[in-house]
């Protein structure tokens, strides 16, 4: 039991560190963007691939559902709660890192929706990374996309997330070796 508690404590610490670093780096870069970029000009950063352009986004990616900001506020809260609920069972450090990135990204954008104008719960997310005219996003968006890709990869590779998954895989391997 002690090993299980210790491993879960490690999961919690790793998750907290990743989530806090993701949230803080997102908010710090948004403050930088407010002070150093503009809505009326595009400044090249990495050639034309990534430029700086300040955008106040009321919607989701590509400004979808721009007049339904409250939906994304609620969705961010629900995703955050779901991640915390699932984290109780997680034993894999890789799954922990992915969930920490997802949580940190969701919270980073949630903070904007809660505290930025025009009003509580309907604040506009600060976006400033223009990806060659395809879309303008922020560091939280990068964390969310990386987390989604990592979660997909872990699932495809069959990396167990929870102790139940580990035990299930052990049982399947024992059955396979008994069949041989």
N, C-alpha and C. Protein backbone atom coordinates (compact mmCIF):
# COMPACT_ATOMS: atom_id res chain seq x y z
N UNK A 1 0.83 -1.20 0.00
CA UNK A 1 0.00 0.00 0.00
C UNK A 1 0.87 1.25 0.00
N UNK A 2 2.00 1.19 0.72
CA UNK A 2 2.88 2.34 0.80
C UNK A 2 3.42 2.73 -0.57
N UNK A 3 3.81 1.74 -1.37
CA UNK A 3 4.31 2.02 -2.72
C UNK A 3 3.24 2.70 -3.56
N UNK A 4 2.01 2.21 -3.44
CA UNK A 4 0.90 2.80 -4.19
C UNK A 4 0.70 4.26 -3.79
N UNK A 5 0.75 4.54 -2.49
CA UNK A 5 0.59 5.92 -2.01
C UNK A 5 1.73 6.79 -2.51
N UNK A 6 2.94 6.24 -2.46
CA UNK A 6 4.10 7.00 -2.91
C UNK A 6 3.99 7.29 -4.41
N UNK A 7 3.59 6.29 -5.20
CA UNK A 7 3.49 6.53 -6.64
C UNK A 7 2.38 7.53 -6.96
N UNK A 8 1.28 7.48 -6.20
CA UNK A 8 0.23 8.46 -6.44
C UNK A 8 0.68 9.86 -6.02
N UNK A 9 1.47 9.93 -4.96
CA UNK A 9 2.01 11.23 -4.54
C UNK A 9 2.90 11.79 -5.65
N UNK A 10 3.68 10.93 -6.29
CA UNK A 10 4.52 11.36 -7.41
C UNK A 10 3.66 11.88 -8.55
N UNK A 11 2.58 11.16 -8.85
CA UNK A 11 1.66 11.58 -9.91
C UNK A 11 1.11 12.97 -9.59
N UNK A 12 0.68 13.18 -8.36
CA UNK A 12 0.10 14.47 -7.97
C UNK A 12 1.13 15.59 -8.10
N UNK A 13 2.36 15.33 -7.65
CA UNK A 13 3.41 16.35 -7.72
C UNK A 13 3.75 16.68 -9.17
N UNK A 14 3.94 15.64 -9.99
CA UNK A 14 4.26 15.87 -11.41
C UNK A 14 3.12 16.63 -12.09
N UNK A 15 1.89 16.21 -11.85
CA UNK A 15 0.73 16.89 -12.43
C UNK A 15 0.71 18.36 -12.00
N UNK A 16 0.88 18.61 -10.71
CA UNK A 16 0.83 19.99 -10.20
C UNK A 16 1.92 20.85 -10.83
N UNK A 17 3.13 20.32 -10.91
CA UNK A 17 4.24 21.08 -11.48
C UNK A 17 3.97 21.40 -12.95
N UNK A 18 3.55 20.39 -13.73
CA UNK A 18 3.28 20.61 -15.16
C UNK A 18 2.12 21.60 -15.33
N UNK A 19 1.04 21.40 -14.59
CA UNK A 19 -0.14 22.27 -14.73
C UNK A 19 0.18 23.71 -14.32
N UNK A 20 0.91 23.88 -13.24
CA UNK A 20 1.26 25.23 -12.78
C UNK A 20 2.19 25.91 -13.78
N UNK A 21 3.21 25.18 -14.25
CA UNK A 21 4.12 25.77 -15.24
C UNK A 21 3.39 26.14 -16.52
N UNK A 22 2.47 25.28 -16.95
CA UNK A 22 1.70 25.57 -18.17
C UNK A 22 0.83 26.81 -17.98
N UNK A 23 0.12 26.87 -16.87
CA UNK A 23 -0.77 28.00 -16.62
C UNK A 23 0.01 29.31 -16.47
N UNK A 24 1.08 29.27 -15.69
CA UNK A 24 1.87 30.48 -15.45
C UNK A 24 2.54 30.95 -16.74
N UNK A 25 3.14 30.02 -17.50
CA UNK A 25 3.80 30.44 -18.75
C UNK A 25 2.78 31.01 -19.73
N UNK A 26 1.58 30.44 -19.76
CA UNK A 26 0.54 30.99 -20.63
C UNK A 26 0.18 32.41 -20.22
N UNK A 27 -0.06 32.62 -18.94
CA UNK A 27 -0.46 33.96 -18.48
C UNK A 27 0.66 34.98 -18.62
N UNK A 28 1.91 34.56 -18.37
CA UNK A 28 3.05 35.48 -18.53
C UNK A 28 3.20 35.89 -19.99
N UNK A 29 3.06 34.94 -20.91
CA UNK A 29 3.18 35.29 -22.33
C UNK A 29 2.03 36.18 -22.79
N UNK A 30 0.87 36.02 -22.19
CA UNK A 30 -0.26 36.89 -22.55
C UNK A 30 -0.03 38.32 -22.05
N UNK A 31 0.54 38.46 -20.87
CA UNK A 31 0.89 39.80 -20.37
C UNK A 31 1.93 40.42 -21.29
N UNK A 32 2.92 39.62 -21.68
CA UNK A 32 3.94 40.11 -22.62
C UNK A 32 3.27 40.57 -23.92
N UNK A 33 2.35 39.75 -24.43
CA UNK A 33 1.67 40.08 -25.70
C UNK A 33 0.89 41.38 -25.58
N UNK A 34 0.21 41.59 -24.46
CA UNK A 34 -0.55 42.83 -24.26
C UNK A 34 0.37 44.05 -24.28
N UNK A 35 1.57 43.88 -23.75
CA UNK A 35 2.50 45.01 -23.65
C UNK A 35 3.34 45.22 -24.91
N UNK A 36 3.49 44.18 -25.74
CA UNK A 36 4.45 44.25 -26.83
C UNK A 36 3.91 43.98 -28.23
N UNK A 37 2.65 43.64 -28.36
CA UNK A 37 2.08 43.39 -29.68
C UNK A 37 0.88 44.29 -29.90
N UNK A 38 0.37 44.26 -31.11
CA UNK A 38 -0.72 45.17 -31.46
C UNK A 38 -1.76 44.45 -32.31
N UNK A 39 -2.99 44.93 -32.22
CA UNK A 39 -4.07 44.37 -33.03
C UNK A 39 -4.00 44.86 -34.47
N UNK A 40 -3.27 45.95 -34.70
CA UNK A 40 -3.28 46.54 -36.05
C UNK A 40 -2.03 46.23 -36.87
N UNK A 41 -1.15 45.37 -36.37
CA UNK A 41 0.00 44.99 -37.20
C UNK A 41 0.43 43.56 -36.87
N UNK A 42 1.07 42.95 -37.86
CA UNK A 42 1.62 41.60 -37.72
C UNK A 42 3.14 41.73 -37.74
N UNK A 43 3.79 41.20 -36.70
CA UNK A 43 5.24 41.29 -36.59
C UNK A 43 5.84 39.89 -36.75
N UNK A 44 6.67 39.67 -37.79
CA UNK A 44 7.27 38.36 -38.00
C UNK A 44 8.10 37.92 -36.79
N UNK A 45 8.01 36.65 -36.47
CA UNK A 45 8.79 36.08 -35.37
C UNK A 45 9.72 35.00 -35.93
N UNK A 46 9.15 33.99 -36.55
CA UNK A 46 9.93 32.95 -37.24
C UNK A 46 9.52 33.03 -38.71
N UNK A 47 10.18 33.94 -39.40
CA UNK A 47 9.83 34.19 -40.80
C UNK A 47 8.35 34.53 -40.90
N UNK A 48 7.71 33.96 -41.91
CA UNK A 48 6.27 34.16 -42.03
C UNK A 48 5.50 33.00 -41.40
N UNK A 49 6.24 32.00 -40.88
CA UNK A 49 5.59 30.83 -40.29
C UNK A 49 4.84 31.20 -39.01
N UNK A 50 5.50 31.91 -38.11
CA UNK A 50 4.84 32.37 -36.88
C UNK A 50 5.12 33.87 -36.73
N UNK A 51 4.04 34.62 -36.55
CA UNK A 51 4.15 36.06 -36.34
C UNK A 51 3.39 36.42 -35.08
N UNK A 52 3.65 37.63 -34.59
CA UNK A 52 2.92 38.14 -33.44
C UNK A 52 1.81 39.06 -33.94
N UNK A 53 0.60 38.80 -33.47
CA UNK A 53 -0.55 39.64 -33.79
C UNK A 53 -1.54 39.50 -32.63
N UNK A 54 -1.87 40.59 -31.99
CA UNK A 54 -2.77 40.56 -30.85
C UNK A 54 -4.22 40.43 -31.30
N UNK A 55 -4.91 39.44 -30.73
CA UNK A 55 -6.33 39.21 -31.03
C UNK A 55 -7.05 38.95 -29.71
N UNK A 56 -8.21 39.55 -29.54
CA UNK A 56 -9.06 39.27 -28.38
C UNK A 56 -10.17 38.35 -28.86
N UNK A 57 -10.04 37.06 -28.54
CA UNK A 57 -10.89 36.02 -29.10
C UNK A 57 -12.07 35.69 -28.17
N UNK A 58 -13.30 35.98 -28.58
CA UNK A 58 -14.47 35.66 -27.76
C UNK A 58 -14.93 34.21 -27.94
N UNK A 59 -14.39 33.50 -28.93
CA UNK A 59 -14.87 32.15 -29.22
C UNK A 59 -13.82 31.09 -28.94
N UNK A 60 -13.84 30.06 -29.78
CA UNK A 60 -12.88 28.96 -29.66
C UNK A 60 -11.87 29.11 -30.79
N UNK A 61 -11.21 28.00 -31.14
CA UNK A 61 -10.26 28.02 -32.24
C UNK A 61 -10.95 28.58 -33.49
N UNK A 62 -10.20 29.38 -34.23
CA UNK A 62 -10.71 30.04 -35.43
C UNK A 62 -11.89 30.96 -35.11
N UNK A 63 -11.99 31.40 -33.85
CA UNK A 63 -13.08 32.27 -33.37
C UNK A 63 -14.46 31.67 -33.58
N UNK A 64 -14.53 30.33 -33.57
CA UNK A 64 -15.83 29.66 -33.71
C UNK A 64 -16.73 30.02 -32.53
N UNK A 65 -18.00 30.13 -32.78
CA UNK A 65 -19.02 30.45 -31.77
C UNK A 65 -18.64 31.68 -30.96
N UNK A 66 -18.24 32.73 -31.66
CA UNK A 66 -17.75 33.94 -31.01
C UNK A 66 -18.76 34.57 -30.06
N UNK A 67 -20.03 34.33 -30.26
CA UNK A 67 -21.04 34.93 -29.39
C UNK A 67 -21.53 33.97 -28.32
N UNK A 68 -20.80 32.90 -28.10
CA UNK A 68 -21.18 31.90 -27.10
C UNK A 68 -20.03 31.65 -26.13
N UNK A 69 -19.36 32.72 -25.70
CA UNK A 69 -18.20 32.61 -24.82
C UNK A 69 -18.51 31.80 -23.57
N UNK A 70 -19.70 31.96 -23.02
CA UNK A 70 -20.06 31.27 -21.78
C UNK A 70 -20.02 29.75 -21.96
N UNK A 71 -20.28 29.26 -23.18
CA UNK A 71 -20.21 27.82 -23.44
C UNK A 71 -18.79 27.33 -23.20
N UNK A 72 -17.79 28.09 -23.66
CA UNK A 72 -16.40 27.68 -23.50
C UNK A 72 -15.93 27.85 -22.06
N UNK A 73 -16.51 28.80 -21.35
CA UNK A 73 -16.21 28.94 -19.93
C UNK A 73 -16.68 27.69 -19.19
N UNK A 74 -17.90 27.28 -19.43
CA UNK A 74 -18.45 26.08 -18.79
C UNK A 74 -17.67 24.84 -19.23
N UNK A 75 -17.36 24.74 -20.51
CA UNK A 75 -16.61 23.60 -21.04
C UNK A 75 -15.23 23.51 -20.39
N UNK A 76 -14.55 24.64 -20.21
CA UNK A 76 -13.24 24.65 -19.56
C UNK A 76 -13.33 24.17 -18.12
N UNK A 77 -14.37 24.60 -17.42
CA UNK A 77 -14.57 24.15 -16.04
C UNK A 77 -14.83 22.64 -16.01
N UNK A 78 -15.69 22.16 -16.89
CA UNK A 78 -16.00 20.73 -16.92
C UNK A 78 -14.79 19.88 -17.29
N UNK A 79 -13.99 20.33 -18.25
CA UNK A 79 -12.77 19.60 -18.62
C UNK A 79 -11.81 19.56 -17.44
N UNK A 80 -11.66 20.68 -16.76
CA UNK A 80 -10.76 20.74 -15.61
C UNK A 80 -11.21 19.78 -14.52
N UNK A 81 -12.50 19.75 -14.24
CA UNK A 81 -13.04 18.83 -13.22
C UNK A 81 -12.83 17.38 -13.66
N UNK A 82 -13.09 17.09 -14.93
CA UNK A 82 -12.93 15.72 -15.43
C UNK A 82 -11.47 15.26 -15.33
N UNK A 83 -10.54 16.15 -15.65
CA UNK A 83 -9.12 15.80 -15.55
C UNK A 83 -8.76 15.50 -14.11
N UNK A 84 -9.19 16.35 -13.18
CA UNK A 84 -8.89 16.13 -11.76
C UNK A 84 -9.52 14.84 -11.26
N UNK A 85 -10.73 14.54 -11.70
CA UNK A 85 -11.41 13.31 -11.28
C UNK A 85 -10.64 12.09 -11.80
N UNK A 86 -10.24 12.12 -13.07
CA UNK A 86 -9.53 10.98 -13.67
C UNK A 86 -8.14 10.82 -13.06
N UNK A 87 -7.51 11.91 -12.68
CA UNK A 87 -6.17 11.88 -12.12
C UNK A 87 -6.08 11.00 -10.88
N UNK A 88 -7.19 10.84 -10.16
CA UNK A 88 -7.20 10.00 -8.96
C UNK A 88 -6.73 8.58 -9.25
N UNK A 89 -6.97 8.11 -10.48
CA UNK A 89 -6.66 6.73 -10.84
C UNK A 89 -5.35 6.58 -11.62
N UNK A 90 -4.79 7.68 -12.09
CA UNK A 90 -3.64 7.61 -12.99
C UNK A 90 -2.37 7.19 -12.23
N UNK A 91 -1.62 6.26 -12.86
CA UNK A 91 -0.33 5.83 -12.31
C UNK A 91 0.82 6.10 -13.28
N UNK A 92 0.51 6.37 -14.53
CA UNK A 92 1.53 6.59 -15.56
C UNK A 92 2.00 8.04 -15.55
N UNK A 93 3.31 8.22 -15.51
CA UNK A 93 3.87 9.57 -15.54
C UNK A 93 3.57 10.25 -16.88
N UNK A 94 3.62 9.49 -17.99
CA UNK A 94 3.33 10.09 -19.29
C UNK A 94 1.89 10.58 -19.38
N UNK A 95 0.95 9.78 -18.88
CA UNK A 95 -0.44 10.23 -18.85
C UNK A 95 -0.58 11.44 -17.92
N UNK A 96 0.17 11.43 -16.83
CA UNK A 96 0.14 12.55 -15.89
C UNK A 96 0.61 13.84 -16.55
N UNK A 97 1.71 13.75 -17.31
CA UNK A 97 2.23 14.92 -18.01
C UNK A 97 1.21 15.44 -19.01
N UNK A 98 0.62 14.54 -19.79
CA UNK A 98 -0.38 14.94 -20.79
C UNK A 98 -1.58 15.61 -20.11
N UNK A 99 -2.06 15.02 -19.02
CA UNK A 99 -3.20 15.61 -18.31
C UNK A 99 -2.83 16.95 -17.68
N UNK A 100 -1.59 17.08 -17.20
CA UNK A 100 -1.13 18.36 -16.65
C UNK A 100 -1.10 19.45 -17.71
N UNK A 101 -0.65 19.10 -18.92
CA UNK A 101 -0.66 20.07 -20.03
C UNK A 101 -2.08 20.45 -20.41
N UNK A 102 -2.97 19.46 -20.49
CA UNK A 102 -4.37 19.73 -20.83
C UNK A 102 -5.02 20.63 -19.78
N UNK A 103 -4.82 20.30 -18.51
CA UNK A 103 -5.38 21.08 -17.41
C UNK A 103 -4.81 22.50 -17.41
N UNK A 104 -3.49 22.61 -17.53
CA UNK A 104 -2.85 23.93 -17.53
C UNK A 104 -3.33 24.80 -18.68
N UNK A 105 -3.47 24.20 -19.87
CA UNK A 105 -3.98 24.95 -21.03
C UNK A 105 -5.42 25.38 -20.83
N UNK A 106 -6.24 24.46 -20.34
CA UNK A 106 -7.66 24.79 -20.11
C UNK A 106 -7.79 25.90 -19.06
N UNK A 107 -7.01 25.80 -17.99
CA UNK A 107 -7.08 26.81 -16.93
C UNK A 107 -6.54 28.16 -17.43
N UNK A 108 -5.48 28.12 -18.24
CA UNK A 108 -4.93 29.36 -18.80
C UNK A 108 -5.98 30.14 -19.58
N UNK A 109 -6.72 29.45 -20.44
CA UNK A 109 -7.77 30.13 -21.20
C UNK A 109 -8.98 30.44 -20.33
N UNK A 110 -9.25 29.60 -19.33
CA UNK A 110 -10.36 29.86 -18.41
C UNK A 110 -10.12 31.15 -17.63
N UNK A 111 -8.90 31.37 -17.21
CA UNK A 111 -8.59 32.61 -16.48
C UNK A 111 -8.98 33.82 -17.33
N UNK A 112 -8.61 33.78 -18.62
CA UNK A 112 -8.99 34.90 -19.51
C UNK A 112 -10.50 35.07 -19.56
N UNK A 113 -11.22 33.98 -19.70
CA UNK A 113 -12.68 34.05 -19.81
C UNK A 113 -13.32 34.58 -18.51
N UNK A 114 -12.66 34.34 -17.39
CA UNK A 114 -13.22 34.79 -16.11
C UNK A 114 -12.86 36.23 -15.78
N UNK A 115 -11.65 36.68 -16.11
CA UNK A 115 -11.20 37.98 -15.61
C UNK A 115 -11.02 39.06 -16.67
N UNK A 116 -11.02 38.71 -17.92
CA UNK A 116 -10.80 39.71 -18.97
C UNK A 116 -12.13 40.32 -19.42
N UNK A 117 -12.07 41.53 -19.99
CA UNK A 117 -13.29 42.15 -20.52
C UNK A 117 -13.88 41.31 -21.64
N UNK A 118 -15.16 41.35 -21.88
CA UNK A 118 -16.08 42.39 -21.42
C UNK A 118 -16.71 42.11 -20.06
N UNK A 119 -16.79 40.83 -19.62
CA UNK A 119 -17.42 40.58 -18.32
C UNK A 119 -17.02 39.21 -17.80
N UNK A 120 -17.29 38.99 -16.52
CA UNK A 120 -16.99 37.71 -15.87
C UNK A 120 -17.66 36.57 -16.63
N UNK A 121 -16.86 35.55 -16.95
CA UNK A 121 -17.39 34.39 -17.65
C UNK A 121 -17.50 34.56 -19.15
N UNK A 122 -17.40 35.80 -19.62
CA UNK A 122 -17.50 36.07 -21.06
C UNK A 122 -16.28 36.83 -21.57
N UNK A 123 -15.18 36.75 -20.80
CA UNK A 123 -13.97 37.44 -21.20
C UNK A 123 -13.39 36.88 -22.49
N UNK A 124 -12.69 37.74 -23.20
CA UNK A 124 -12.07 37.34 -24.46
C UNK A 124 -10.67 36.80 -24.18
N UNK A 125 -10.34 35.68 -24.79
CA UNK A 125 -9.03 35.05 -24.62
C UNK A 125 -8.01 35.83 -25.44
N UNK A 126 -6.85 36.06 -24.84
CA UNK A 126 -5.78 36.77 -25.54
C UNK A 126 -5.02 35.77 -26.41
N UNK A 127 -5.07 35.99 -27.72
CA UNK A 127 -4.31 35.21 -28.69
C UNK A 127 -3.28 36.13 -29.32
N UNK A 128 -2.10 35.59 -29.63
CA UNK A 128 -1.06 36.46 -30.20
C UNK A 128 -0.09 35.74 -31.12
N UNK A 129 -0.22 34.43 -31.28
CA UNK A 129 0.66 33.69 -32.17
C UNK A 129 -0.07 33.40 -33.48
N UNK A 130 0.30 34.14 -34.51
CA UNK A 130 -0.33 33.99 -35.83
C UNK A 130 0.45 32.92 -36.60
N UNK A 131 -0.22 31.82 -36.89
CA UNK A 131 0.39 30.68 -37.57
C UNK A 131 0.19 30.82 -39.08
N UNK A 132 0.99 31.69 -39.69
CA UNK A 132 1.01 31.89 -41.14
C UNK A 132 -0.38 32.18 -41.71
N UNK A 133 -1.19 32.89 -40.94
CA UNK A 133 -2.51 33.26 -41.41
C UNK A 133 -3.58 32.18 -41.24
N UNK A 134 -3.20 30.99 -40.79
CA UNK A 134 -4.17 29.91 -40.60
C UNK A 134 -5.06 30.19 -39.39
N UNK A 135 -4.44 30.56 -38.29
CA UNK A 135 -5.18 30.91 -37.08
C UNK A 135 -4.25 31.65 -36.15
N UNK A 136 -4.83 32.32 -35.17
CA UNK A 136 -4.06 33.01 -34.15
C UNK A 136 -4.41 32.33 -32.83
N UNK A 137 -3.40 31.91 -32.09
CA UNK A 137 -3.62 31.21 -30.83
C UNK A 137 -2.70 31.73 -29.75
N UNK A 138 -2.54 30.93 -28.71
CA UNK A 138 -1.70 31.31 -27.59
C UNK A 138 -0.98 30.09 -27.04
N UNK A 139 -0.20 30.27 -26.00
CA UNK A 139 0.58 29.18 -25.42
C UNK A 139 -0.34 28.11 -24.83
N UNK A 140 -1.45 28.49 -24.23
CA UNK A 140 -2.41 27.51 -23.69
C UNK A 140 -2.92 26.60 -24.80
N UNK A 141 -3.19 27.18 -25.96
CA UNK A 141 -3.65 26.38 -27.11
C UNK A 141 -2.60 25.35 -27.51
N UNK A 142 -1.33 25.76 -27.47
CA UNK A 142 -0.24 24.83 -27.80
C UNK A 142 -0.24 23.67 -26.81
N UNK A 143 -0.37 23.98 -25.52
CA UNK A 143 -0.38 22.92 -24.51
C UNK A 143 -1.56 21.97 -24.72
N UNK A 144 -2.71 22.51 -25.05
CA UNK A 144 -3.90 21.67 -25.27
C UNK A 144 -3.70 20.75 -26.47
N UNK A 145 -3.14 21.28 -27.55
CA UNK A 145 -2.90 20.46 -28.75
C UNK A 145 -1.84 19.40 -28.48
N UNK A 146 -0.75 19.78 -27.80
CA UNK A 146 0.29 18.80 -27.47
C UNK A 146 -0.28 17.73 -26.55
N UNK A 147 -1.09 18.12 -25.58
CA UNK A 147 -1.72 17.14 -24.67
C UNK A 147 -2.62 16.18 -25.44
N UNK A 148 -3.43 16.71 -26.34
CA UNK A 148 -4.32 15.85 -27.13
C UNK A 148 -3.52 14.87 -27.97
N UNK A 149 -2.45 15.35 -28.61
CA UNK A 149 -1.60 14.47 -29.43
C UNK A 149 -0.94 13.40 -28.56
N UNK A 150 -0.45 13.80 -27.39
CA UNK A 150 0.20 12.86 -26.49
C UNK A 150 -0.79 11.83 -25.96
N UNK A 151 -1.99 12.26 -25.57
CA UNK A 151 -3.01 11.32 -25.11
C UNK A 151 -3.39 10.33 -26.21
N UNK A 152 -3.52 10.82 -27.43
CA UNK A 152 -3.82 9.95 -28.57
C UNK A 152 -2.70 8.94 -28.78
N UNK A 153 -1.46 9.41 -28.76
CA UNK A 153 -0.31 8.53 -28.95
C UNK A 153 -0.22 7.48 -27.84
N UNK A 154 -0.40 7.89 -26.60
CA UNK A 154 -0.36 6.95 -25.48
C UNK A 154 -1.44 5.88 -25.62
N UNK A 155 -2.63 6.30 -26.04
CA UNK A 155 -3.73 5.35 -26.22
C UNK A 155 -3.42 4.38 -27.36
N UNK A 156 -2.92 4.90 -28.47
CA UNK A 156 -2.58 4.05 -29.63
C UNK A 156 -1.48 3.06 -29.27
N UNK A 157 -0.48 3.51 -28.51
CA UNK A 157 0.63 2.64 -28.13
C UNK A 157 0.26 1.68 -27.01
N UNK A 158 -0.92 1.86 -26.43
CA UNK A 158 -1.37 0.97 -25.36
C UNK A 158 -0.69 1.20 -24.03
N UNK A 159 -0.21 2.42 -23.80
CA UNK A 159 0.41 2.74 -22.51
C UNK A 159 -0.69 2.84 -21.47
N UNK A 160 -0.64 1.98 -20.45
CA UNK A 160 -1.72 1.99 -19.46
C UNK A 160 -1.71 3.26 -18.61
N UNK A 161 -2.88 3.82 -18.39
CA UNK A 161 -3.00 5.06 -17.62
C UNK A 161 -3.21 4.78 -16.14
N UNK A 162 -4.00 3.75 -15.84
CA UNK A 162 -4.40 3.48 -14.46
C UNK A 162 -3.91 2.10 -14.02
N UNK A 163 -3.96 1.86 -12.73
CA UNK A 163 -3.57 0.55 -12.19
C UNK A 163 -4.47 -0.54 -12.76
N UNK A 164 -5.74 -0.24 -12.97
CA UNK A 164 -6.66 -1.21 -13.58
C UNK A 164 -6.18 -1.62 -14.96
N UNK A 165 -5.71 -0.65 -15.74
CA UNK A 165 -5.19 -0.95 -17.08
C UNK A 165 -3.93 -1.81 -16.99
N UNK A 166 -3.05 -1.49 -16.03
CA UNK A 166 -1.83 -2.27 -15.84
C UNK A 166 -2.18 -3.71 -15.52
N UNK A 167 -3.10 -3.90 -14.58
CA UNK A 167 -3.50 -5.26 -14.19
C UNK A 167 -4.19 -5.99 -15.33
N UNK A 168 -4.99 -5.29 -16.10
CA UNK A 168 -5.65 -5.89 -17.25
C UNK A 168 -4.62 -6.38 -18.27
N UNK A 169 -3.61 -5.57 -18.54
CA UNK A 169 -2.56 -5.97 -19.48
C UNK A 169 -1.77 -7.16 -18.94
N UNK A 170 -1.48 -7.17 -17.64
CA UNK A 170 -0.78 -8.31 -17.04
C UNK A 170 -1.60 -9.58 -17.20
N UNK A 171 -2.91 -9.47 -16.95
CA UNK A 171 -3.80 -10.63 -17.08
C UNK A 171 -3.82 -11.15 -18.50
N UNK A 172 -3.86 -10.25 -19.48
CA UNK A 172 -3.87 -10.65 -20.89
C UNK A 172 -2.56 -11.34 -21.26
N UNK A 173 -1.43 -10.85 -20.74
CA UNK A 173 -0.14 -11.46 -21.04
C UNK A 173 -0.03 -12.84 -20.40
N UNK A 174 -0.58 -13.00 -19.19
CA UNK A 174 -0.55 -14.30 -18.53
C UNK A 174 -1.39 -15.30 -19.30
N UNK A 175 -2.53 -14.87 -19.81
CA UNK A 175 -3.39 -15.75 -20.61
C UNK A 175 -2.68 -16.15 -21.89
N UNK A 176 -2.00 -15.19 -22.53
CA UNK A 176 -1.27 -15.48 -23.77
C UNK A 176 -0.17 -16.49 -23.52
N UNK A 177 0.61 -16.33 -22.42
CA UNK A 177 1.69 -17.27 -22.16
C UNK A 177 1.16 -18.63 -21.74
N UNK A 178 0.01 -18.69 -21.12
CA UNK A 178 -0.60 -19.97 -20.75
C UNK A 178 -1.09 -20.70 -22.00
N UNK A 179 -1.51 -19.95 -23.01
CA UNK A 179 -1.99 -20.54 -24.26
C UNK A 179 -0.85 -21.13 -25.08
N UNK A 180 0.37 -20.64 -24.88
CA UNK A 180 1.50 -21.10 -25.70
C UNK A 180 2.00 -22.40 -25.27
